[in-house]
């Protein structure tokens, strides 16, 4: 399954940034072509699980934010760098139920 993770560090805590980045990289195939935004392919957990896993590393009382959403194969981008479209095309987006 593919997820988009958006992280904003209002605390400016460099250690928190490094821990979130390192943790995302352990969860599966990832890319972060846009600052603060990660694309993550993982079957280990869903959006809630990813959020819960990452929130231990942020400084919530200083305003750090995390948003996680599962995405479909319906995506578009521009100026994302060489190889990104091919990388995305090789990802497993899983299936979505209608309704």
N, C-alpha and C. Protein backbone atom coordinates (compact mmCIF):
# COMPACT_ATOMS: atom_id res chain seq x y z
N UNK A 1 0.84 -1.17 0.00
CA UNK A 1 0.00 0.00 0.00
C UNK A 1 0.89 1.24 0.00
N UNK A 2 0.40 2.29 -0.62
CA UNK A 2 1.15 3.54 -0.71
C UNK A 2 0.52 4.59 0.20
N UNK A 3 1.39 5.30 0.87
CA UNK A 3 0.96 6.37 1.77
C UNK A 3 1.75 7.63 1.47
N UNK A 4 1.09 8.77 1.71
CA UNK A 4 1.76 10.06 1.70
C UNK A 4 1.84 10.51 3.15
N UNK A 5 3.03 10.89 3.57
CA UNK A 5 3.24 11.37 4.93
C UNK A 5 3.73 12.80 4.83
N UNK A 6 3.02 13.72 5.47
CA UNK A 6 3.45 15.12 5.52
C UNK A 6 3.82 15.44 6.97
N UNK A 7 5.00 16.02 7.15
CA UNK A 7 5.50 16.34 8.48
C UNK A 7 5.94 17.79 8.50
N UNK A 8 5.47 18.54 9.48
CA UNK A 8 5.93 19.91 9.66
C UNK A 8 6.52 20.03 11.06
N UNK A 9 7.75 20.50 11.10
CA UNK A 9 8.43 20.67 12.38
C UNK A 9 8.44 22.14 12.76
N UNK A 10 7.49 22.53 13.56
CA UNK A 10 7.45 23.91 14.05
C UNK A 10 8.41 24.10 15.22
N UNK A 11 8.80 22.99 15.86
CA UNK A 11 9.70 23.06 17.01
C UNK A 11 11.13 23.34 16.60
N UNK A 12 11.46 23.14 15.33
CA UNK A 12 12.82 23.29 14.83
C UNK A 12 13.80 22.38 15.56
N UNK A 13 13.30 21.25 16.06
CA UNK A 13 14.13 20.26 16.76
C UNK A 13 14.80 19.37 15.72
N UNK A 14 16.10 19.54 15.53
CA UNK A 14 16.84 18.80 14.52
C UNK A 14 16.83 17.30 14.82
N UNK A 15 16.93 16.94 16.09
CA UNK A 15 16.93 15.52 16.47
C UNK A 15 15.59 14.88 16.12
N UNK A 16 14.49 15.58 16.34
CA UNK A 16 13.16 15.06 15.98
C UNK A 16 13.09 14.81 14.48
N UNK A 17 13.57 15.75 13.69
CA UNK A 17 13.57 15.59 12.24
C UNK A 17 14.36 14.35 11.83
N UNK A 18 15.53 14.19 12.40
CA UNK A 18 16.38 13.05 12.07
C UNK A 18 15.72 11.73 12.46
N UNK A 19 15.05 11.71 13.61
CA UNK A 19 14.41 10.47 14.07
C UNK A 19 13.21 10.12 13.20
N UNK A 20 12.41 11.09 12.82
CA UNK A 20 11.26 10.82 11.94
C UNK A 20 11.77 10.32 10.60
N UNK A 21 12.75 11.00 10.04
CA UNK A 21 13.31 10.59 8.75
C UNK A 21 13.85 9.16 8.82
N UNK A 22 14.63 8.86 9.83
CA UNK A 22 15.20 7.51 9.97
C UNK A 22 14.11 6.47 10.16
N UNK A 23 13.08 6.80 10.92
CA UNK A 23 12.01 5.85 11.19
C UNK A 23 11.21 5.55 9.93
N UNK A 24 10.89 6.56 9.15
CA UNK A 24 10.16 6.35 7.89
C UNK A 24 10.96 5.41 6.98
N UNK A 25 12.26 5.61 6.93
CA UNK A 25 13.12 4.80 6.06
C UNK A 25 13.15 3.34 6.46
N UNK A 26 12.82 3.02 7.71
CA UNK A 26 12.79 1.62 8.15
C UNK A 26 11.47 0.93 7.82
N UNK A 27 10.45 1.69 7.43
CA UNK A 27 9.11 1.13 7.24
C UNK A 27 8.88 0.51 5.86
N UNK A 28 9.69 0.88 4.87
CA UNK A 28 9.50 0.34 3.53
C UNK A 28 10.17 1.19 2.48
N UNK A 29 9.77 1.01 1.21
CA UNK A 29 10.29 1.83 0.12
C UNK A 29 9.77 3.25 0.27
N UNK A 30 10.63 4.22 0.15
CA UNK A 30 10.24 5.60 0.41
C UNK A 30 10.91 6.55 -0.58
N UNK A 31 10.34 7.73 -0.68
CA UNK A 31 10.91 8.82 -1.46
C UNK A 31 10.48 10.12 -0.79
N UNK A 32 11.36 11.11 -0.78
CA UNK A 32 10.96 12.43 -0.25
C UNK A 32 11.49 13.54 -1.15
N UNK A 33 10.86 13.65 -2.30
CA UNK A 33 11.26 14.64 -3.30
C UNK A 33 10.78 16.05 -2.97
N UNK A 34 9.81 16.16 -2.07
CA UNK A 34 9.29 17.46 -1.64
C UNK A 34 9.61 17.59 -0.15
N UNK A 35 10.23 18.68 0.28
CA UNK A 35 10.56 18.82 1.70
C UNK A 35 9.35 18.61 2.61
N UNK A 36 9.52 17.75 3.60
CA UNK A 36 8.45 17.50 4.57
C UNK A 36 7.40 16.51 4.11
N UNK A 37 7.54 15.98 2.89
CA UNK A 37 6.56 15.03 2.35
C UNK A 37 7.27 13.77 1.91
N UNK A 38 6.76 12.64 2.37
CA UNK A 38 7.32 11.35 2.02
C UNK A 38 6.27 10.52 1.31
N UNK A 39 6.71 9.75 0.33
CA UNK A 39 5.89 8.69 -0.25
C UNK A 39 6.44 7.41 0.35
N UNK A 40 5.57 6.56 0.87
CA UNK A 40 6.00 5.34 1.54
C UNK A 40 5.17 4.16 1.07
N UNK A 41 5.85 3.11 0.65
CA UNK A 41 5.19 1.86 0.30
C UNK A 41 5.45 0.88 1.45
N UNK A 42 4.38 0.43 2.10
CA UNK A 42 4.52 -0.53 3.19
C UNK A 42 3.24 -1.32 3.35
N UNK A 43 3.38 -2.55 3.76
CA UNK A 43 2.23 -3.39 4.11
C UNK A 43 2.27 -3.72 5.60
N UNK A 44 3.18 -3.10 6.32
CA UNK A 44 3.36 -3.39 7.74
C UNK A 44 2.28 -2.78 8.62
N UNK A 45 1.71 -1.65 8.19
CA UNK A 45 0.69 -0.97 8.98
C UNK A 45 -0.09 -0.01 8.11
N UNK A 46 -1.22 0.45 8.61
CA UNK A 46 -2.03 1.42 7.90
C UNK A 46 -1.68 2.84 8.31
N UNK A 47 -2.48 3.79 7.85
CA UNK A 47 -2.23 5.21 8.12
C UNK A 47 -2.18 5.50 9.62
N UNK A 48 -3.13 4.99 10.36
CA UNK A 48 -3.17 5.22 11.81
C UNK A 48 -1.92 4.65 12.49
N UNK A 49 -1.51 3.45 12.08
CA UNK A 49 -0.32 2.83 12.66
C UNK A 49 0.94 3.61 12.35
N UNK A 50 1.05 4.11 11.12
CA UNK A 50 2.21 4.93 10.74
C UNK A 50 2.25 6.20 11.58
N UNK A 51 1.10 6.87 11.68
CA UNK A 51 1.02 8.09 12.49
C UNK A 51 1.43 7.81 13.93
N UNK A 52 0.85 6.75 14.51
CA UNK A 52 1.15 6.43 15.90
C UNK A 52 2.62 6.09 16.10
N UNK A 53 3.21 5.41 15.12
CA UNK A 53 4.63 5.07 15.20
C UNK A 53 5.50 6.32 15.16
N UNK A 54 5.16 7.28 14.29
CA UNK A 54 5.99 8.46 14.12
C UNK A 54 5.78 9.53 15.18
N UNK A 55 4.60 9.59 15.77
CA UNK A 55 4.34 10.69 16.70
C UNK A 55 5.20 10.66 17.95
N UNK A 56 5.81 9.50 18.24
CA UNK A 56 6.71 9.43 19.39
C UNK A 56 7.97 10.26 19.19
N UNK A 57 8.28 10.62 17.95
CA UNK A 57 9.51 11.34 17.64
C UNK A 57 9.33 12.85 17.52
N UNK A 58 8.09 13.33 17.40
CA UNK A 58 7.88 14.77 17.21
C UNK A 58 7.75 15.48 18.56
N UNK A 59 7.78 16.80 18.51
CA UNK A 59 7.60 17.62 19.70
C UNK A 59 6.20 18.24 19.58
N UNK A 60 5.19 17.48 20.00
CA UNK A 60 3.79 17.87 19.80
C UNK A 60 3.46 19.17 20.53
N UNK A 61 3.98 19.35 21.72
CA UNK A 61 3.63 20.56 22.48
C UNK A 61 4.27 21.82 21.90
N UNK A 62 5.16 21.66 20.93
CA UNK A 62 5.75 22.80 20.22
C UNK A 62 5.12 22.98 18.84
N UNK A 63 4.09 22.15 18.53
CA UNK A 63 3.34 22.34 17.29
C UNK A 63 3.74 21.46 16.12
N UNK A 64 4.68 20.51 16.30
CA UNK A 64 5.03 19.61 15.21
C UNK A 64 3.78 18.85 14.76
N UNK A 65 3.66 18.61 13.46
CA UNK A 65 2.47 17.98 12.90
C UNK A 65 2.83 16.81 11.99
N UNK A 66 1.94 15.81 11.98
CA UNK A 66 2.07 14.67 11.07
C UNK A 66 0.70 14.41 10.45
N UNK A 67 0.69 14.19 9.14
CA UNK A 67 -0.53 13.80 8.43
C UNK A 67 -0.16 12.61 7.56
N UNK A 68 -0.95 11.53 7.64
CA UNK A 68 -0.71 10.33 6.85
C UNK A 68 -1.98 9.97 6.10
N UNK A 69 -1.86 9.71 4.81
CA UNK A 69 -3.01 9.31 4.00
C UNK A 69 -2.60 8.21 3.04
N UNK A 70 -3.46 7.23 2.88
CA UNK A 70 -3.24 6.20 1.87
C UNK A 70 -3.62 6.79 0.52
N UNK A 71 -2.81 6.51 -0.49
CA UNK A 71 -3.09 7.07 -1.81
C UNK A 71 -3.33 5.96 -2.81
N UNK A 72 -4.00 6.32 -3.89
CA UNK A 72 -4.29 5.37 -4.96
C UNK A 72 -3.29 5.58 -6.10
N UNK A 73 -3.46 4.79 -7.12
CA UNK A 73 -2.60 4.91 -8.29
C UNK A 73 -2.93 6.19 -9.08
N UNK A 74 -3.94 6.91 -8.69
CA UNK A 74 -4.36 8.15 -9.34
C UNK A 74 -3.56 9.31 -8.75
N UNK A 75 -2.40 9.58 -9.34
CA UNK A 75 -1.52 10.63 -8.84
C UNK A 75 -0.94 11.39 -10.03
N UNK A 76 -0.43 12.57 -9.76
CA UNK A 76 0.23 13.37 -10.79
C UNK A 76 1.27 14.25 -10.11
N UNK A 77 2.33 14.54 -10.81
CA UNK A 77 3.37 15.42 -10.28
C UNK A 77 4.10 16.07 -11.43
N UNK A 78 4.85 17.11 -11.13
CA UNK A 78 5.68 17.75 -12.14
C UNK A 78 6.99 18.18 -11.50
N UNK A 79 8.04 18.08 -12.27
CA UNK A 79 9.37 18.49 -11.82
C UNK A 79 9.80 17.73 -10.57
N UNK A 80 9.47 16.44 -10.52
CA UNK A 80 9.76 15.61 -9.34
C UNK A 80 11.13 14.95 -9.41
N UNK A 81 11.85 15.17 -10.48
CA UNK A 81 13.18 14.60 -10.61
C UNK A 81 13.18 13.35 -11.46
N UNK A 82 14.33 13.08 -12.04
CA UNK A 82 14.47 11.94 -12.93
C UNK A 82 14.23 10.64 -12.17
N UNK A 83 13.47 9.76 -12.76
CA UNK A 83 13.22 8.45 -12.19
C UNK A 83 12.02 8.35 -11.29
N UNK A 84 11.48 9.48 -10.84
CA UNK A 84 10.35 9.42 -9.91
C UNK A 84 9.11 8.78 -10.51
N UNK A 85 8.69 9.16 -11.72
CA UNK A 85 7.50 8.51 -12.28
C UNK A 85 7.66 6.99 -12.40
N UNK A 86 8.84 6.55 -12.81
CA UNK A 86 9.09 5.11 -12.93
C UNK A 86 9.06 4.44 -11.55
N UNK A 87 9.62 5.11 -10.56
CA UNK A 87 9.61 4.59 -9.19
C UNK A 87 8.17 4.40 -8.72
N UNK A 88 7.34 5.42 -8.94
CA UNK A 88 5.94 5.36 -8.52
C UNK A 88 5.20 4.25 -9.26
N UNK A 89 5.47 4.07 -10.53
CA UNK A 89 4.79 3.04 -11.32
C UNK A 89 5.11 1.63 -10.84
N UNK A 90 6.25 1.45 -10.19
CA UNK A 90 6.63 0.13 -9.68
C UNK A 90 6.07 -0.16 -8.28
N UNK A 91 5.39 0.77 -7.66
CA UNK A 91 4.88 0.60 -6.30
C UNK A 91 3.59 -0.20 -6.28
N UNK A 92 3.32 -0.83 -5.15
CA UNK A 92 2.09 -1.59 -4.91
C UNK A 92 1.10 -0.67 -4.17
N UNK A 93 0.05 -0.29 -4.84
CA UNK A 93 -0.94 0.59 -4.24
C UNK A 93 -2.07 -0.20 -3.56
N UNK A 94 -2.07 -1.51 -3.70
CA UNK A 94 -3.13 -2.32 -3.13
C UNK A 94 -4.44 -2.10 -3.87
N UNK A 95 -5.52 -2.58 -3.30
CA UNK A 95 -6.84 -2.40 -3.90
C UNK A 95 -7.71 -1.57 -2.96
N UNK A 96 -8.63 -0.85 -3.53
CA UNK A 96 -9.55 -0.02 -2.77
C UNK A 96 -10.96 -0.53 -2.97
N UNK A 97 -11.71 -0.57 -1.92
CA UNK A 97 -13.12 -0.97 -1.98
C UNK A 97 -13.97 0.22 -2.38
N UNK A 98 -14.89 0.03 -3.28
CA UNK A 98 -15.84 1.09 -3.64
C UNK A 98 -16.93 1.15 -2.58
N UNK A 99 -17.45 2.33 -2.32
CA UNK A 99 -18.57 2.40 -1.41
C UNK A 99 -18.36 3.31 -0.34
